[in-house]
Amino acid sequence: MTADELKSIIAAGLACEHIALEGDGRHWYATIVSAEFEGKRPIARHQRVYKTLGEKMHTDEVHALSMKTFTPAEWANQPR
């Protein structure tokens, strides 16, 4: 799977303001910003992203996905 494919899958299932991906095709690191994360703890945010991937996590198309998840307000306060 390519970064563009993974990004498209996540964006199709979750309204995102920002998605950045790095990885080698099996192991991925993502930064995801979505208003849907408002009021959710990190584990619930991650579960929401995993839900967009569905079976791809179980069939090993995406072997590992580490992520940082932010609301738009949290993202606006991140140093860049």
C-alpha atoms as a PDB file:
ATOM      1  CA  MET A   1       0.000   0.000   0.000  1.00  0.00           C
ATOM      2  CA  THR A   2       1.223   3.492  -0.795  1.00  0.00           C
ATOM      3  CA  ALA A   3       0.955   6.579   1.388  1.00  0.00           C
ATOM      4  CA  ASP A   4      -1.541   8.095  -1.056  1.00  0.00           C
ATOM      5  CA  GLU A   5      -3.748   4.995  -0.921  1.00  0.00           C
ATOM      6  CA  LEU A   6      -3.696   4.920   2.870  1.00  0.00           C
ATOM      7  CA  LYS A   7      -4.402   8.640   3.063  1.00  0.00           C
ATOM      8  CA  SER A   8      -7.375   8.238   0.702  1.00  0.00           C
ATOM      9  CA  ILE A   9      -8.836   5.412   2.769  1.00  0.00           C
ATOM     10  CA  ILE A  10      -8.591   7.382   6.004  1.00  0.00           C
ATOM     11  CA  ALA A  11      -9.990  10.550   4.395  1.00  0.00           C
ATOM     12  CA  ALA A  12     -12.917   8.608   2.890  1.00  0.00           C
ATOM     13  CA  GLY A  13     -13.976   7.374   6.323  1.00  0.00           C
ATOM     14  CA  LEU A  14     -13.094  10.342   8.514  1.00  0.00           C
ATOM     15  CA  ALA A  15     -13.483  14.051   7.858  1.00  0.00           C
ATOM     16  CA  CYS A  16      -9.912  15.300   8.228  1.00  0.00           C
ATOM     17  CA  GLU A  17      -8.446  18.755   8.059  1.00  0.00           C
ATOM     18  CA  HIS A  18      -4.923  17.382   7.795  1.00  0.00           C
ATOM     19  CA  ILE A  19      -3.311  13.993   7.223  1.00  0.00           C
ATOM     20  CA  ALA A  20       0.438  13.440   6.988  1.00  0.00           C
ATOM     21  CA  LEU A  21       1.862   9.952   6.479  1.00  0.00           C
ATOM     22  CA  GLU A  22       5.332   8.487   6.522  1.00  0.00           C
ATOM     23  CA  GLY A  23       6.214   4.847   6.186  1.00  0.00           C
ATOM     24  CA  ASP A  24       7.654   1.975   4.244  1.00  0.00           C
ATOM     25  CA  GLY A  25       4.493   0.351   2.931  1.00  0.00           C
ATOM     26  CA  ARG A  26       3.881  -1.794   6.017  1.00  0.00           C
ATOM     27  CA  HIS A  27       4.812   0.371   8.998  1.00  0.00           C
ATOM     28  CA  TRP A  28       3.212   3.803   9.045  1.00  0.00           C
ATOM     29  CA  TYR A  29       3.345   6.939  11.144  1.00  0.00           C
ATOM     30  CA  ALA A  30       0.412   9.343  10.766  1.00  0.00           C
ATOM     31  CA  THR A  31      -0.536  12.777  12.006  1.00  0.00           C
ATOM     32  CA  ILE A  32      -4.287  13.238  11.698  1.00  0.00           C
ATOM     33  CA  VAL A  33      -6.376  16.315  12.484  1.00  0.00           C
ATOM     34  CA  SER A  34     -10.152  15.967  12.678  1.00  0.00           C
ATOM     35  CA  ALA A  35     -13.015  17.771  14.381  1.00  0.00           C
ATOM     36  CA  GLU A  36     -14.457  14.306  15.065  1.00  0.00           C
ATOM     37  CA  PHE A  37     -11.792  13.912  17.768  1.00  0.00           C
ATOM     38  CA  GLU A  38     -13.359  16.654  19.923  1.00  0.00           C
ATOM     39  CA  GLY A  39     -14.067  15.325  23.424  1.00  0.00           C
ATOM     40  CA  LYS A  40     -12.473  11.928  22.726  1.00  0.00           C
ATOM     41  CA  ARG A  41      -9.536  10.371  24.560  1.00  0.00           C
ATOM     42  CA  PRO A  42      -6.537   9.216  22.505  1.00  0.00           C
ATOM     43  CA  ILE A  43      -7.629   5.556  22.482  1.00  0.00           C
ATOM     44  CA  ALA A  44     -11.071   6.474  21.114  1.00  0.00           C
ATOM     45  CA  ARG A  45      -9.438   8.653  18.450  1.00  0.00           C
ATOM     46  CA  HIS A  46      -7.179   5.794  17.385  1.00  0.00           C
ATOM     47  CA  GLN A  47     -10.100   3.374  17.314  1.00  0.00           C
ATOM     48  CA  ARG A  48     -11.952   5.817  15.061  1.00  0.00           C
ATOM     49  CA  VAL A  49      -9.038   5.844  12.610  1.00  0.00           C
ATOM     50  CA  TYR A  50      -8.691   2.043  12.754  1.00  0.00           C
ATOM     51  CA  LYS A  51     -12.394   1.792  11.923  1.00  0.00           C
ATOM     52  CA  THR A  52     -11.723   3.572   8.614  1.00  0.00           C
ATOM     53  CA  LEU A  53      -9.178   0.888   7.728  1.00  0.00           C
ATOM     54  CA  GLY A  54     -11.487  -2.021   8.534  1.00  0.00           C
ATOM     55  CA  GLU A  55     -10.175  -5.341   7.264  1.00  0.00           C
ATOM     56  CA  LYS A  56      -6.957  -3.811   5.961  1.00  0.00           C
ATOM     57  CA  MET A  57      -5.606  -3.962   9.523  1.00  0.00           C
ATOM     58  CA  HIS A  58      -6.609  -7.622   9.840  1.00  0.00           C
ATOM     59  CA  THR A  59      -5.328  -8.774   6.446  1.00  0.00           C
ATOM     60  CA  ASP A  60      -1.908  -7.208   7.028  1.00  0.00           C
ATOM     61  CA  GLU A  61      -2.271  -4.662   4.203  1.00  0.00           C
ATOM     62  CA  VAL A  62      -1.427  -2.176   6.944  1.00  0.00           C
ATOM     63  CA  HIS A  63       0.859  -4.006   9.342  1.00  0.00           C
ATOM     64  CA  ALA A  64       1.378  -1.170  11.834  1.00  0.00           C
ATOM     65  CA  LEU A  65       0.038   2.339  12.190  1.00  0.00           C
ATOM     66  CA  SER A  66       1.364   4.710  14.831  1.00  0.00           C
ATOM     67  CA  MET A  67      -0.420   8.008  15.033  1.00  0.00           C
ATOM     68  CA  LYS A  68      -0.767  11.363  16.645  1.00  0.00           C
ATOM     69  CA  THR A  69      -4.311  12.657  16.588  1.00  0.00           C
ATOM     70  CA  PHE A  70      -5.384  16.244  17.121  1.00  0.00           C
ATOM     71  CA  THR A  71      -8.515  18.347  17.095  1.00  0.00           C
ATOM     72  CA  PRO A  72      -8.226  21.466  14.922  1.00  0.00           C
ATOM     73  CA  ALA A  73      -7.723  23.614  18.055  1.00  0.00           C
ATOM     74  CA  GLU A  74      -4.988  21.305  19.378  1.00  0.00           C
ATOM     75  CA  TRP A  75      -3.311  21.315  15.966  1.00  0.00           C
ATOM     76  CA  ALA A  76      -3.364  25.115  15.816  1.00  0.00           C
ATOM     77  CA  ASN A  77      -1.362  25.173  19.071  1.00  0.00           C
ATOM     78  CA  GLN A  78       1.311  22.720  17.875  1.00  0.00           C
ATOM     79  CA  PRO A  79       4.753  24.164  17.164  1.00  0.00           C
ATOM     80  CA  ARG A  80       5.809  23.732  13.556  1.00  0.00           C
END
